[in-house]
Amino acid sequence: MKTQNKNIILIITGKPDPHPTSVIKLMQKNNVEFFRLNTDSILSDYNFSWYCDNNNEELLITNIINNQSICGKQIKSVWLRRPTPPIELRSESLPHINKYNLIEADAFCKALMCYLSDRYSIGSVLHDRYANSKMVQLSLAAKLGITIPNTCITNTKDGVLEVAKETEEVIFKPLGAGAIKCENDMIYEFYAKKVPQDVVLSQPEGVLINTVNFCENYVPKEYEVRATVIGPYVFACKLDSQSQKENEGKIDWRQGYDYGLRHEMISMPKTIENFCKQYLRELHLNFGCFDFVVRPDGEYVFLECNPNGQWGWIEDELGISSISEAMVDCLINCKKV
């Protein structure tokens, strides 16, 4: 059934992503029209065509599973939640042909997201990659006047020592590889590690030159904050990481998921809320998940901002729906930061 509504929200994501579920339920409850495009199944579950000549252009996508269709002119806003590379085919061929077909499908998905970049969007194919750079993030945060940790990204011992000589403890974090699959198919996840200064100083040069070392001075914590900003809305969640054990969320709160890490919605100082909004405006974004350390003296220290971060776990943990409601409101009314 092809809808004639010209105010349809296009959700671009992947099948395994649970985040759209709560938002879609709210849309259905409020009779908001949407179209979900799972990029991982673009070849198996959809028919699509884009036509262009000197006088006209048209995009049409049909979900062959539920028979829902959408054309380009009907799309009011786009939520680029977490599109994933195509992995499904409608029929199998030779392995090298399968690989080619999936590469071409991925190229179409990327071209499509760029083509739709003139629409209001939460998530941006044009800006997210730039905004995901830790170097961009920390540099911009410092320019906007918020405190950041002393940070170095290096493959030299001298670079690491620039941070280590100023602090008793150094934090080492992954720059991009959050997890790897080992030979036995087990997933090994990388978390932030706190290393004493004397241990860092004792390391031979060869230990450091073969990898990228993303290191910061350790910032004393009273607690931590994950702030989700959607358009004009700010949702700050206090994470009581310091009540956890060392490897159960005290150093990296993500390790506390399975160990009862306490969550609490709080209000941040207006100066911090204003910083978050200005940060996103500088990067031409309408969404971001900010991570802060709050020192014992109450000072907020910026760690990073994920331009396509997760927030569903906060709603699940606290039994709230306010973040999903804000997402729906922004997509319907095209609200900017």
Protein backbone atom coordinates (compact mmCIF):
# COMPACT_ATOMS: atom_id res chain seq x y z
CA MET A 1 0.00 0.00 0.00
CA LYS A 2 1.55 3.30 -1.06
CA THR A 3 0.74 6.10 1.34
CA GLN A 4 0.02 9.60 0.03
CA ASN A 5 1.08 11.44 3.19
CA LYS A 6 3.82 13.94 2.42
CA ASN A 7 5.11 14.05 5.99
CA ILE A 8 6.60 10.60 6.44
CA ILE A 9 9.55 9.89 8.73
CA LEU A 10 12.19 7.61 7.24
CA ILE A 11 14.05 5.48 9.78
CA ILE A 12 17.29 4.07 8.39
CA THR A 13 18.80 1.39 10.61
CA GLY A 14 19.54 -2.35 10.73
CA LYS A 15 17.43 -5.32 11.76
CA PRO A 16 19.30 -6.09 15.03
CA ASP A 17 19.05 -2.51 16.35
CA PRO A 18 16.53 -2.34 19.25
CA HIS A 19 16.56 1.47 19.56
CA PRO A 20 13.86 2.21 16.96
CA THR A 21 11.37 -0.08 18.74
CA SER A 22 10.27 2.34 21.47
CA VAL A 23 10.14 5.24 19.02
CA ILE A 24 8.10 3.23 16.50
CA LYS A 25 5.62 2.21 19.21
CA LEU A 26 5.06 5.88 20.05
CA MET A 27 4.64 6.73 16.37
CA GLN A 28 2.08 3.97 15.95
CA LYS A 29 0.24 5.08 19.09
CA ASN A 30 0.03 8.65 17.77
CA ASN A 31 -0.72 7.69 14.13
CA VAL A 32 2.56 9.10 12.87
CA GLU A 33 3.49 7.66 9.48
CA PHE A 34 6.96 6.21 9.14
CA PHE A 35 8.92 3.89 6.91
CA ARG A 36 11.67 1.66 8.31
CA LEU A 37 14.56 0.85 5.98
CA ASN A 38 16.89 -1.87 7.26
CA THR A 39 20.02 -1.43 5.20
CA ASP A 40 21.36 -4.88 6.07
CA SER A 41 18.42 -6.38 4.11
CA ILE A 42 18.13 -3.78 1.33
CA LEU A 43 18.44 -6.49 -1.36
CA SER A 44 16.39 -9.20 0.33
CA ASP A 45 13.43 -7.25 1.72
CA TYR A 46 13.07 -4.20 -0.54
CA ASN A 47 12.59 -3.15 -4.14
CA PHE A 48 13.99 0.28 -4.92
CA SER A 49 14.57 2.59 -7.87
CA TRP A 50 15.77 6.12 -8.39
CA TYR A 51 15.10 7.81 -11.71
CA CYS A 52 16.49 11.13 -12.89
CA ASP A 53 16.39 13.07 -16.19
CA ASN A 54 16.60 16.74 -17.10
CA ASN A 55 13.03 17.39 -16.06
CA ASN A 56 12.29 15.08 -13.18
CA GLU A 57 13.66 12.77 -10.51
CA GLU A 58 11.96 10.22 -8.32
CA LEU A 59 12.87 7.77 -5.60
CA LEU A 60 10.67 4.79 -4.76
CA ILE A 61 11.33 2.14 -2.11
CA THR A 62 8.96 -0.76 -1.37
CA ASN A 63 9.17 -3.18 1.51
CA ILE A 64 8.16 -6.47 -0.09
CA ILE A 65 7.51 -8.04 3.33
CA ASN A 66 4.72 -5.66 4.43
CA ASN A 67 4.01 -4.05 1.03
CA GLN A 68 4.64 -0.55 2.35
CA SER A 69 6.10 1.97 -0.10
CA ILE A 70 7.56 5.43 0.11
CA CYS A 71 8.66 7.93 -2.52
CA GLY A 72 11.28 10.63 -2.07
CA LYS A 73 8.85 13.55 -2.09
CA GLN A 74 6.99 12.08 0.89
CA ILE A 75 10.01 12.09 3.19
CA LYS A 76 9.86 14.92 5.71
CA SER A 77 12.65 13.87 8.05
CA VAL A 78 15.23 11.12 8.42
CA TRP A 79 16.53 9.26 11.45
CA LEU A 80 19.88 7.71 10.61
CA ARG A 81 19.88 5.47 13.66
CA ARG A 82 22.52 2.87 12.89
CA PRO A 83 22.56 1.72 9.27
CA THR A 84 24.62 -1.43 8.80
CA PRO A 85 26.22 -2.84 5.64
CA PRO A 86 24.03 -5.17 3.55
CA ILE A 87 24.44 -8.85 4.43
CA GLU A 88 21.29 -10.50 3.02
CA LEU A 89 20.57 -11.57 -0.55
CA ARG A 90 17.30 -12.69 -2.07
CA SER A 91 19.10 -15.54 -3.78
CA GLU A 92 22.64 -16.86 -3.59
CA SER A 93 25.13 -16.98 -6.47
CA LEU A 94 28.85 -17.65 -6.70
CA PRO A 95 30.76 -16.29 -3.68
CA HIS A 96 32.53 -13.54 -5.64
CA ILE A 97 29.23 -12.48 -7.24
CA ASN A 98 27.55 -12.40 -3.82
CA LYS A 99 30.35 -10.20 -2.54
CA TYR A 100 30.06 -7.85 -5.51
CA ASN A 101 26.28 -7.57 -5.09
CA LEU A 102 26.60 -6.67 -1.41
CA ILE A 103 29.29 -4.08 -2.15
CA GLU A 104 27.04 -2.47 -4.75
CA ALA A 105 24.11 -2.49 -2.32
CA ASP A 106 26.27 -0.76 0.28
CA ALA A 107 27.24 1.85 -2.30
CA PHE A 108 23.55 2.49 -3.04
CA CYS A 109 22.74 2.89 0.67
CA LYS A 110 25.54 5.41 1.13
CA ALA A 111 24.48 7.31 -2.01
CA LEU A 112 20.87 7.32 -0.78
CA MET A 113 21.79 8.76 2.61
CA CYS A 114 23.81 11.50 0.95
CA TYR A 115 20.93 12.20 -1.45
CA LEU A 116 18.57 12.68 1.50
CA SER A 117 20.92 14.97 3.41
CA ASP A 118 18.83 18.05 2.55
CA ARG A 119 16.05 16.73 4.82
CA TYR A 120 15.89 17.39 8.55
CA SER A 121 17.81 14.54 10.15
CA ILE A 122 18.85 13.06 13.44
CA GLY A 123 22.16 11.50 12.56
CA SER A 124 24.06 12.70 9.52
CA VAL A 125 25.93 10.79 6.86
CA LEU A 126 27.80 14.01 6.05
CA HIS A 127 28.76 15.08 9.57
CA ASP A 128 28.78 11.99 11.85
CA ARG A 129 32.12 10.64 10.66
CA TYR A 130 33.84 13.96 11.21
CA ALA A 131 32.12 14.39 14.58
CA ASN A 132 33.19 10.89 15.63
CA SER A 133 36.87 11.88 15.64
CA LYS A 134 38.16 12.03 19.22
CA MET A 135 40.66 14.65 18.07
CA VAL A 136 37.87 16.85 16.72
CA GLN A 137 35.77 16.30 19.85
CA LEU A 138 38.42 17.21 22.40
CA SER A 139 39.76 20.12 20.39
CA LEU A 140 36.29 21.63 19.96
CA ALA A 141 35.35 21.09 23.61
CA ALA A 142 38.51 22.89 24.74
CA LYS A 143 37.80 25.80 22.37
CA LEU A 144 34.30 26.09 23.83
CA GLY A 145 35.80 26.51 27.27
CA ILE A 146 35.03 23.26 29.07
CA THR A 147 37.70 21.29 30.94
CA ILE A 148 39.08 18.22 29.18
CA PRO A 149 41.68 15.67 30.36
CA ASN A 150 45.27 16.12 29.24
CA THR A 151 45.26 13.79 26.25
CA CYS A 152 47.75 12.26 23.85
CA ILE A 153 47.29 9.88 20.92
CA THR A 154 50.68 8.48 20.03
CA ASN A 155 52.83 5.47 19.20
CA THR A 156 55.85 6.80 21.07
CA LYS A 157 56.90 6.51 24.69
CA ASP A 158 57.73 10.22 24.78
CA GLY A 159 54.15 11.02 23.83
CA VAL A 160 52.76 8.84 26.60
CA LEU A 161 55.21 10.37 29.07
CA GLU A 162 53.83 13.85 28.30
CA VAL A 163 50.64 12.70 30.00
CA ALA A 164 52.20 10.34 32.57
CA LYS A 165 54.63 12.87 34.03
CA GLU A 166 51.72 15.10 35.10
CA THR A 167 49.59 12.51 36.89
CA GLU A 168 49.91 9.56 39.25
CA GLU A 169 47.62 7.46 37.07
CA VAL A 170 47.04 7.29 33.32
CA ILE A 171 43.92 6.13 31.51
CA PHE A 172 44.40 4.10 28.33
CA LYS A 173 41.35 3.80 26.07
CA PRO A 174 40.60 2.28 22.65
CA LEU A 175 40.44 4.85 19.88
CA GLY A 176 38.26 2.83 17.54
CA ALA A 177 38.40 -0.90 18.22
CA GLY A 178 35.77 -1.39 20.91
CA ALA A 179 35.88 -5.15 20.46
CA ILE A 180 37.52 -7.86 18.35
CA LYS A 181 36.53 -11.42 17.52
CA CYS A 182 39.17 -13.94 18.55
CA GLU A 183 40.02 -17.18 16.75
CA ASN A 184 37.66 -19.18 18.94
CA ASP A 185 34.82 -16.77 17.96
CA MET A 186 34.82 -15.25 21.42
CA ILE A 187 34.34 -11.47 21.53
CA TYR A 188 37.00 -9.56 23.46
CA GLU A 189 35.83 -6.10 24.51
CA PHE A 190 38.22 -3.25 25.25
CA TYR A 191 37.54 -0.93 28.18
CA ALA A 192 39.37 2.02 29.68
CA LYS A 193 42.23 0.92 31.92
CA LYS A 194 43.86 2.88 34.75
CA VAL A 195 47.63 2.37 34.87
CA PRO A 196 49.93 3.71 37.64
CA GLN A 197 52.57 6.22 36.54
CA ASP A 198 55.50 4.00 37.58
CA VAL A 199 54.19 1.13 35.45
CA VAL A 200 53.93 3.45 32.44
CA LEU A 201 57.45 4.78 33.03
CA SER A 202 58.88 1.24 33.21
CA GLN A 203 57.53 0.16 29.82
CA PRO A 204 60.12 -0.33 27.03
CA GLU A 205 59.67 1.68 23.86
CA GLY A 206 58.83 -1.47 21.90
CA VAL A 207 55.64 -2.04 23.86
CA LEU A 208 54.22 1.27 22.66
CA ILE A 209 55.44 1.78 19.09
CA ASN A 210 53.43 -1.08 17.59
CA THR A 211 50.01 0.34 18.38
CA VAL A 212 48.04 3.54 18.89
CA ASN A 213 48.07 4.67 22.51
CA PHE A 214 45.09 6.87 23.41
CA CYS A 215 45.90 8.09 26.89
CA GLU A 216 44.63 10.71 29.32
CA ASN A 217 45.41 11.81 32.83
CA TYR A 218 43.07 10.13 35.30
CA VAL A 219 40.34 12.52 36.49
CA PRO A 220 39.09 11.93 40.05
CA LYS A 221 35.35 11.16 39.98
CA GLU A 222 32.41 11.81 42.24
CA TYR A 223 30.16 10.28 39.58
CA GLU A 224 29.70 10.30 35.81
CA VAL A 225 27.01 11.66 33.51
CA ARG A 226 25.66 10.47 30.17
CA ALA A 227 23.78 13.40 28.62
CA THR A 228 21.58 12.66 25.60
CA VAL A 229 20.77 15.77 23.58
CA ILE A 230 18.04 15.66 20.92
CA GLY A 231 17.21 18.98 19.31
CA PRO A 232 16.37 21.35 22.21
CA TYR A 233 15.95 18.50 24.72
CA VAL A 234 18.64 17.51 27.22
CA PHE A 235 18.42 14.30 29.28
CA ALA A 236 21.17 13.84 31.86
CA CYS A 237 21.63 10.48 33.56
CA LYS A 238 23.86 10.23 36.62
CA LEU A 239 25.94 7.04 36.68
CA ASP A 240 27.13 6.13 40.17
CA SER A 241 30.31 4.50 38.92
CA GLN A 242 32.34 5.15 42.06
CA SER A 243 30.23 2.77 44.14
CA GLN A 244 31.33 -0.06 41.82
CA LYS A 245 34.34 -2.34 42.07
CA GLU A 246 37.42 -1.62 39.95
CA ASN A 247 36.53 -3.90 37.02
CA GLU A 248 32.77 -3.66 37.46
CA GLY A 249 32.23 -0.09 36.31
CA LYS A 250 34.38 2.11 38.54
CA ILE A 251 36.93 2.92 35.83
CA ASP A 252 34.76 2.38 32.75
CA TRP A 253 31.06 2.56 33.62
CA ARG A 254 30.15 0.37 30.64
CA GLN A 255 31.49 -2.58 32.64
CA GLY A 256 28.83 -1.88 35.25
CA TYR A 257 25.86 -2.93 33.11
CA ASP A 258 25.81 -6.41 34.64
CA TYR A 259 26.81 -5.34 38.15
CA GLY A 260 23.95 -3.15 39.30
CA LEU A 261 25.30 0.25 38.21
CA ARG A 262 22.89 2.81 39.64
CA HIS A 263 21.22 5.30 37.27
CA GLU A 264 19.41 8.52 38.14
CA MET A 265 18.01 11.30 35.96
CA ILE A 266 19.38 14.68 37.06
CA SER A 267 19.53 18.29 35.92
CA MET A 268 22.92 19.58 34.78
CA PRO A 269 24.08 23.17 35.28
CA LYS A 270 22.78 25.48 32.53
CA THR A 271 26.35 26.22 31.50
CA ILE A 272 26.89 22.53 30.71
CA GLU A 273 23.56 22.23 28.87
CA ASN A 274 24.48 25.31 26.82
CA PHE A 275 27.90 23.83 26.08
CA CYS A 276 26.29 20.64 24.74
CA LYS A 277 23.96 22.57 22.45
CA GLN A 278 26.70 24.87 21.17
CA TYR A 279 28.96 21.85 20.58
CA LEU A 280 26.30 20.20 18.40
CA ARG A 281 25.57 23.41 16.51
CA GLU A 282 29.26 23.76 15.70
CA LEU A 283 29.21 20.25 14.18
CA HIS A 284 25.85 20.73 12.36
CA LEU A 285 24.20 17.96 14.39
CA ASN A 286 20.80 17.61 16.03
CA PHE A 287 21.80 14.73 18.32
CA GLY A 288 24.66 13.64 20.53
CA CYS A 289 25.42 11.50 23.59
CA PHE A 290 27.90 13.28 25.88
CA ASP A 291 30.03 11.63 28.54
CA PHE A 292 31.25 13.69 31.48
CA VAL A 293 33.18 13.04 34.67
CA VAL A 294 31.95 15.11 37.60
CA ARG A 295 34.85 15.78 39.96
CA PRO A 296 34.47 15.79 43.77
CA ASP A 297 34.44 19.62 43.63
CA GLY A 298 31.48 19.52 41.17
CA GLU A 299 33.39 20.49 38.03
CA TYR A 300 32.26 18.80 34.82
CA VAL A 301 35.05 17.34 32.67
CA PHE A 302 34.22 16.47 29.06
CA LEU A 303 35.33 13.03 27.84
CA GLU A 304 33.59 12.54 24.49
CA CYS A 305 30.42 12.89 22.45
CA ASN A 306 29.07 10.03 20.36
CA PRO A 307 27.11 11.51 17.42
CA ASN A 308 25.12 8.28 17.10
CA GLY A 309 25.19 7.01 20.66
CA GLN A 310 22.86 4.66 22.48
CA TRP A 311 20.25 5.75 25.01
CA GLY A 312 17.65 2.97 25.04
CA TRP A 313 19.35 1.30 28.00
CA ILE A 314 18.64 4.38 30.11
CA GLU A 315 14.91 4.16 29.39
CA ASP A 316 14.96 0.42 30.07
CA GLU A 317 16.83 0.84 33.35
CA LEU A 318 14.63 3.64 34.70
CA GLY A 319 11.30 2.71 33.12
CA ILE A 320 10.93 6.04 31.32
CA SER A 321 9.97 7.00 27.76
CA SER A 322 10.87 10.70 27.72
CA ILE A 323 13.87 10.30 25.40
CA SER A 324 11.79 8.38 22.84
CA GLU A 325 9.07 11.03 23.12
CA ALA A 326 11.59 13.77 22.41
CA MET A 327 12.90 11.82 19.42
CA VAL A 328 9.40 11.56 17.95
CA ASP A 329 8.69 15.25 18.58
CA CYS A 330 11.90 16.35 16.87
CA LEU A 331 11.34 14.11 13.85
CA ILE A 332 7.74 15.32 13.45
CA ASN A 333 8.44 19.02 14.00
CA CYS A 334 12.02 19.16 12.70
CA LYS A 335 13.31 20.73 15.89
CA LYS A 336 16.95 21.78 15.85
CA VAL A 337 19.35 22.25 18.75
